[in-house]
Amino acid sequence: MEMDLSLKIVFQLLLASVLGGAIGLEREIHRKPAGLRTNIFICVGVTLFTILSREVAVRFGNPSDGARIAAQLITGIGFIGAGAILRERGAVVGLTTAATIFVNSSIGMAIGAGMYWTATYTALMCLLALSVLGWVEGRLFRRRVMIFRITAPEPEPCMKAANTALAELNLQMQHFQIYRIGTDFVLDFEVDVSHSQQEHLLARLSSVGRKCEVVRHEAATE
């Protein structure tokens, strides 16, 4: 039986797992649907399919067969990316994850085609966009629904302070509720805010009651 596993193929699959894993790790840290293992599998799988498309063309002397395999990868990856896009609370989430899957597959194709430096450069560009630009976007542009919780002995001062702080930022309280835990009252309310507005609200409300915190948030993008 002919040995079909070469050092070149081993290197290609290893590089695919490293580059795909680097992008997947960034997604995993931010708790996105397509995380470390998913991105590794996508990049390695597309790399192997690209290798197979080349081998089919070489062994059977029909370049069009190899081209058809590579072309169908784009369609297949599109289905995976579409599965990562959801609609939640009136906003579309998962677009960045879907785009990451699409680009990650192109990195795998580049590795399978022997374009190692191009694949590495593309992966570094993606990591830069996800980390640096994501950080800038999150603090300057992105808005998200934050759920604030204030714990205090009396509910009236909490409501008054919260409404005053929101009015200063021209924001509106959504879905608020007041309930009692032991001797304390708890006020929960949702607000659609930017990062700077979130910090301002926390600073203004931290002196109200025993504790003010953000207990949960829903990302508006990605």
Protein backbone atom coordinates (compact mmCIF):
# COMPACT_ATOMS: atom_id res chain seq x y z
CA MET A 1 0.00 0.00 0.00
CA GLU A 2 1.38 3.39 -1.02
CA MET A 3 2.11 5.80 1.82
CA ASP A 4 0.02 8.90 1.17
CA LEU A 5 0.95 10.87 4.30
CA SER A 6 3.93 13.11 3.63
CA LEU A 7 5.79 15.59 5.82
CA LYS A 8 4.31 18.37 3.72
CA ILE A 9 0.75 17.26 4.49
CA VAL A 10 1.59 16.85 8.18
CA PHE A 11 2.96 20.40 8.24
CA GLN A 12 -0.07 21.77 6.39
CA LEU A 13 -2.56 20.17 8.78
CA LEU A 14 -0.51 21.24 11.81
CA LEU A 15 -0.32 24.83 10.58
CA ALA A 16 -4.07 24.79 9.94
CA SER A 17 -4.74 23.64 13.51
CA VAL A 18 -2.44 26.36 14.90
CA LEU A 19 -3.86 29.25 12.85
CA GLY A 20 -7.46 28.06 13.13
CA GLY A 21 -6.96 27.46 16.83
CA ALA A 22 -5.57 30.97 17.37
CA ILE A 23 -8.72 32.50 15.89
CA GLY A 24 -10.91 29.99 17.71
CA LEU A 25 -9.23 30.79 21.02
CA GLU A 26 -10.12 34.45 20.65
CA ARG A 27 -13.73 33.45 19.99
CA GLU A 28 -13.68 31.03 22.93
CA ILE A 29 -12.43 33.73 25.31
CA HIS A 30 -15.38 35.91 24.32
CA ARG A 31 -17.78 32.94 24.68
CA LYS A 32 -18.93 32.88 21.07
CA PRO A 33 -20.78 29.89 19.54
CA ALA A 34 -17.91 28.88 17.22
CA GLY A 35 -15.00 28.52 19.62
CA LEU A 36 -11.62 26.80 19.76
CA ARG A 37 -12.47 23.28 18.58
CA THR A 38 -14.98 24.44 15.96
CA ASN A 39 -12.50 26.76 14.27
CA ILE A 40 -9.73 24.14 14.41
CA PHE A 41 -12.00 21.59 12.74
CA ILE A 42 -13.08 24.08 10.08
CA CYS A 43 -9.55 25.14 9.19
CA VAL A 44 -8.11 21.61 9.24
CA GLY A 45 -11.08 20.22 7.32
CA VAL A 46 -10.90 22.83 4.58
CA THR A 47 -7.12 22.36 4.37
CA LEU A 48 -7.53 18.62 3.86
CA PHE A 49 -10.27 19.09 1.27
CA THR A 50 -8.01 21.49 -0.63
CA ILE A 51 -5.20 18.93 -0.50
CA LEU A 52 -7.62 16.28 -1.75
CA SER A 53 -8.75 18.51 -4.61
CA ARG A 54 -5.13 18.86 -5.71
CA GLU A 55 -4.46 15.13 -5.38
CA VAL A 56 -7.59 14.25 -7.35
CA ALA A 57 -6.45 16.50 -10.18
CA VAL A 58 -2.94 14.96 -10.14
CA ARG A 59 -3.92 11.30 -9.81
CA PHE A 60 -6.82 11.25 -12.23
CA GLY A 61 -5.60 13.90 -14.64
CA ASN A 62 -8.77 15.97 -14.49
CA PRO A 63 -8.13 19.46 -13.04
CA SER A 64 -11.84 20.31 -13.19
CA ASP A 65 -12.65 17.69 -10.54
CA GLY A 66 -10.26 19.31 -8.10
CA ALA A 67 -11.65 22.76 -8.87
CA ARG A 68 -15.19 21.54 -8.22
CA ILE A 69 -14.22 20.19 -4.78
CA ALA A 70 -12.60 23.49 -3.81
CA ALA A 71 -15.57 25.50 -5.13
CA GLN A 72 -18.10 23.50 -3.10
CA LEU A 73 -16.19 24.29 0.09
CA ILE A 74 -17.36 27.90 -0.07
CA THR A 75 -21.00 26.81 -0.30
CA GLY A 76 -20.60 24.34 2.57
CA ILE A 77 -18.93 26.87 4.83
CA GLY A 78 -21.74 29.30 4.06
CA PHE A 79 -24.23 26.90 5.67
CA ILE A 80 -22.11 26.65 8.82
CA GLY A 81 -21.79 30.42 9.02
CA ALA A 82 -25.54 30.89 8.54
CA GLY A 83 -26.12 28.62 11.53
CA ALA A 84 -24.13 30.98 13.73
CA ILE A 85 -26.38 33.97 12.93
CA LEU A 86 -29.30 34.44 15.32
CA ARG A 87 -31.95 37.04 16.01
CA GLU A 88 -32.29 37.92 19.67
CA ARG A 89 -34.18 40.75 21.39
CA GLY A 90 -34.77 42.41 18.03
CA ALA A 91 -31.04 42.45 17.16
CA VAL A 92 -29.03 40.23 14.84
CA VAL A 93 -26.17 38.45 16.63
CA GLY A 94 -23.47 36.14 15.30
CA LEU A 95 -22.44 38.08 12.19
CA THR A 96 -18.82 38.43 13.29
CA THR A 97 -18.67 34.73 14.20
CA ALA A 98 -20.07 33.79 10.79
CA ALA A 99 -17.56 36.05 9.04
CA THR A 100 -14.76 34.53 11.13
CA ILE A 101 -15.80 31.04 10.01
CA PHE A 102 -15.76 32.18 6.38
CA VAL A 103 -12.30 33.75 6.63
CA ASN A 104 -10.98 30.79 8.63
CA SER A 105 -11.99 28.47 5.81
CA SER A 106 -10.10 30.64 3.31
CA ILE A 107 -7.01 30.34 5.55
CA GLY A 108 -7.38 26.57 5.37
CA MET A 109 -7.66 26.68 1.57
CA ALA A 110 -4.53 28.83 1.38
CA ILE A 111 -2.60 26.33 3.52
CA GLY A 112 -3.84 23.45 1.39
CA ALA A 113 -2.66 25.30 -1.72
CA GLY A 114 0.80 25.80 -0.20
CA MET A 115 0.41 29.54 0.41
CA TYR A 116 1.69 29.42 3.99
CA TRP A 117 2.79 33.02 4.41
CA THR A 118 -0.47 34.29 2.93
CA ALA A 119 -2.44 32.12 5.34
CA THR A 120 -0.36 33.26 8.33
CA TYR A 121 -0.66 36.93 7.38
CA THR A 122 -4.44 36.56 6.96
CA ALA A 123 -4.76 34.89 10.36
CA LEU A 124 -2.76 37.68 12.01
CA MET A 125 -4.97 40.28 10.35
CA CYS A 126 -8.08 38.54 11.66
CA LEU A 127 -6.69 38.34 15.18
CA LEU A 128 -5.80 42.04 15.03
CA ALA A 129 -9.29 42.96 13.86
CA LEU A 130 -10.99 40.77 16.47
CA SER A 131 -8.91 42.00 19.40
CA VAL A 132 -7.84 45.60 18.76
CA LEU A 133 -10.73 46.78 16.60
CA GLY A 134 -13.18 44.83 18.76
CA TRP A 135 -11.88 46.65 21.82
CA VAL A 136 -12.22 50.05 20.13
CA GLU A 137 -15.68 49.25 18.78
CA GLY A 138 -16.90 47.99 22.13
CA ARG A 139 -15.94 51.21 23.92
CA LEU A 140 -16.80 53.80 21.30
CA PHE A 141 -19.64 52.51 19.15
CA ARG A 142 -21.32 49.33 20.34
CA ARG A 143 -24.47 49.47 22.43
CA ARG A 144 -25.90 46.56 24.37
CA VAL A 145 -28.71 45.76 26.74
CA MET A 146 -27.31 45.74 30.28
CA ILE A 147 -29.18 44.48 33.33
CA PHE A 148 -28.40 46.49 36.47
CA ARG A 149 -29.17 45.29 39.99
CA ILE A 150 -29.37 47.54 43.05
CA THR A 151 -29.73 46.04 46.53
CA ALA A 152 -30.94 48.39 49.25
CA PRO A 153 -33.03 48.50 52.44
CA GLU A 154 -35.71 50.68 50.78
CA PRO A 155 -36.89 50.59 47.14
CA GLU A 156 -38.01 54.24 46.72
CA PRO A 157 -34.54 55.86 46.92
CA CYS A 158 -33.24 53.29 44.42
CA MET A 159 -35.93 54.10 41.87
CA LYS A 160 -35.43 57.84 42.28
CA ALA A 161 -31.64 57.63 41.94
CA ALA A 162 -31.87 55.30 38.94
CA ASN A 163 -34.36 57.53 37.11
CA THR A 164 -32.24 60.62 37.81
CA ALA A 165 -29.05 58.95 36.51
CA LEU A 166 -30.84 57.69 33.40
CA ALA A 167 -32.35 61.11 32.71
CA GLU A 168 -28.86 62.64 32.78
CA LEU A 169 -27.84 60.33 29.93
CA ASN A 170 -31.19 60.57 28.12
CA LEU A 171 -31.77 56.84 28.62
CA GLN A 172 -34.94 54.93 29.42
CA MET A 173 -35.41 52.13 31.94
CA GLN A 174 -36.80 48.87 30.53
CA HIS A 175 -38.36 45.78 32.14
CA PHE A 176 -37.76 46.78 35.74
CA GLN A 177 -38.86 44.69 38.71
CA ILE A 178 -38.62 45.04 42.49
CA TYR A 179 -38.56 42.06 44.85
CA ARG A 180 -37.50 41.34 48.37
CA ILE A 181 -34.69 39.10 49.60
CA GLY A 182 -34.54 38.86 53.37
CA THR A 183 -34.51 42.36 54.80
CA ASP A 184 -33.35 44.00 51.54
CA PHE A 185 -35.17 45.07 48.40
CA VAL A 186 -33.68 44.36 44.96
CA LEU A 187 -34.29 46.51 41.88
CA ASP A 188 -33.49 44.99 38.48
CA PHE A 189 -33.80 47.00 35.27
CA GLU A 190 -32.54 46.85 31.69
CA VAL A 191 -30.94 49.72 29.77
CA ASP A 192 -29.59 49.92 26.22
CA VAL A 193 -26.20 51.60 26.79
CA SER A 194 -22.71 52.08 25.41
CA HIS A 195 -19.64 51.11 27.42
CA SER A 196 -19.05 54.68 28.65
CA GLN A 197 -22.70 55.05 29.67
CA GLN A 198 -22.50 51.78 31.56
CA GLU A 199 -19.49 53.01 33.53
CA HIS A 200 -21.22 56.31 34.25
CA LEU A 201 -24.34 54.59 35.58
CA LEU A 202 -22.32 52.27 37.78
CA ALA A 203 -20.42 55.23 39.22
CA ARG A 204 -23.62 57.21 39.87
CA LEU A 205 -25.53 54.30 41.41
CA SER A 206 -22.72 52.71 43.41
CA SER A 207 -23.52 54.94 46.38
CA VAL A 208 -27.18 53.91 46.35
CA GLY A 209 -28.07 51.08 48.71
CA ARG A 210 -25.74 48.30 49.67
CA LYS A 211 -24.63 47.21 46.21
CA CYS A 212 -24.99 48.11 42.52
CA GLU A 213 -23.82 45.71 39.83
CA VAL A 214 -24.33 44.51 36.28
CA VAL A 215 -25.63 40.97 36.54
CA ARG A 216 -26.00 40.12 32.87
CA HIS A 217 -25.73 41.67 29.44
CA GLU A 218 -26.81 40.81 25.91
CA ALA A 219 -24.30 41.66 23.18
CA ALA A 220 -25.78 43.64 20.32
CA THR A 221 -23.36 42.27 17.72
CA GLU A 222 -21.08 39.32 17.01
